[in-house]
Amino acid sequence: MTDIKTKILVVEDEESIRRFITLNLSAVGYEVGEADTGEKALAAGNQRV
């Protein structure tokens, strides 16, 4: 059986909040990406497609 990780992109301009969310999601097994602007989030989403 393949163990597929769910991927989440955290978009938050406040670094401390973004890191807090990222660390907590990673701790429970999610694969997490980060972006600090909407433009960077769109670019990250386009790279994944």
C-alpha atoms as a PDB file:
ATOM      1  CA  MET A   1       0.000   0.000   0.000  1.00  0.00           C
ATOM      2  CA  THR A   2       1.356   3.442  -0.941  1.00  0.00           C
ATOM      3  CA  ASP A   3       1.450   6.113   1.740  1.00  0.00           C
ATOM      4  CA  ILE A   4       0.535   9.359  -0.056  1.00  0.00           C
ATOM      5  CA  LYS A   5       1.099  12.599   1.848  1.00  0.00           C
ATOM      6  CA  THR A   6      -1.410  15.401   1.532  1.00  0.00           C
ATOM      7  CA  LYS A   7       0.232  18.619   0.355  1.00  0.00           C
ATOM      8  CA  ILE A   8      -0.748  21.990   1.819  1.00  0.00           C
ATOM      9  CA  LEU A   9       0.435  25.437   0.797  1.00  0.00           C
ATOM     10  CA  VAL A  10       0.478  27.907   3.687  1.00  0.00           C
ATOM     11  CA  VAL A  11       0.114  31.503   2.492  1.00  0.00           C
ATOM     12  CA  GLU A  12       0.771  34.074   5.224  1.00  0.00           C
ATOM     13  CA  ASP A  13       2.791  37.271   5.157  1.00  0.00           C
ATOM     14  CA  GLU A  14       3.640  37.164   8.873  1.00  0.00           C
ATOM     15  CA  GLU A  15       6.685  34.875   9.111  1.00  0.00           C
ATOM     16  CA  SER A  16       6.166  33.750  12.718  1.00  0.00           C
ATOM     17  CA  ILE A  17       2.568  32.724  12.048  1.00  0.00           C
ATOM     18  CA  ARG A  18       3.530  30.986   8.787  1.00  0.00           C
ATOM     19  CA  ARG A  19       6.293  29.015  10.529  1.00  0.00           C
ATOM     20  CA  PHE A  20       3.977  28.066  13.419  1.00  0.00           C
ATOM     21  CA  ILE A  21       1.355  26.704  11.022  1.00  0.00           C
ATOM     22  CA  THR A  22       3.969  24.960   8.882  1.00  0.00           C
ATOM     23  CA  LEU A  23       5.658  23.262  11.841  1.00  0.00           C
ATOM     24  CA  ASN A  24       2.362  22.046  13.269  1.00  0.00           C
ATOM     25  CA  LEU A  25       1.094  20.675   9.954  1.00  0.00           C
ATOM     26  CA  SER A  26       4.434  18.966   9.310  1.00  0.00           C
ATOM     27  CA  ALA A  27       4.339  17.424  12.769  1.00  0.00           C
ATOM     28  CA  VAL A  28       1.098  15.605  11.951  1.00  0.00           C
ATOM     29  CA  GLY A  29       2.340  14.314   8.613  1.00  0.00           C
ATOM     30  CA  TYR A  30       1.427  16.856   5.960  1.00  0.00           C
ATOM     31  CA  GLU A  31       3.857  17.928   3.249  1.00  0.00           C
ATOM     32  CA  VAL A  32       3.871  21.717   3.577  1.00  0.00           C
ATOM     33  CA  GLY A  33       4.959  24.483   1.256  1.00  0.00           C
ATOM     34  CA  GLU A  34       5.138  28.142   2.208  1.00  0.00           C
ATOM     35  CA  ALA A  35       4.498  31.439   0.461  1.00  0.00           C
ATOM     36  CA  ASP A  36       4.486  34.944   1.887  1.00  0.00           C
ATOM     37  CA  THR A  37       2.554  36.616  -0.941  1.00  0.00           C
ATOM     38  CA  GLY A  38      -0.328  35.755  -3.207  1.00  0.00           C
ATOM     39  CA  GLU A  39       1.941  36.004  -6.240  1.00  0.00           C
ATOM     40  CA  LYS A  40       4.352  33.457  -4.792  1.00  0.00           C
ATOM     41  CA  ALA A  41       1.425  31.176  -3.891  1.00  0.00           C
ATOM     42  CA  LEU A  42       0.125  31.277  -7.469  1.00  0.00           C
ATOM     43  CA  ALA A  43       3.602  30.579  -8.817  1.00  0.00           C
ATOM     44  CA  ALA A  44       4.003  27.610  -6.441  1.00  0.00           C
ATOM     45  CA  GLY A  45       0.611  26.272  -7.486  1.00  0.00           C
ATOM     46  CA  ASN A  46       1.470  26.567 -11.158  1.00  0.00           C
ATOM     47  CA  GLN A  47       4.732  24.649 -10.635  1.00  0.00           C
ATOM     48  CA  ARG A  48       2.851  21.742  -9.055  1.00  0.00           C
ATOM     49  CA  VAL A  49       0.474  21.267 -12.000  1.00  0.00           C
END
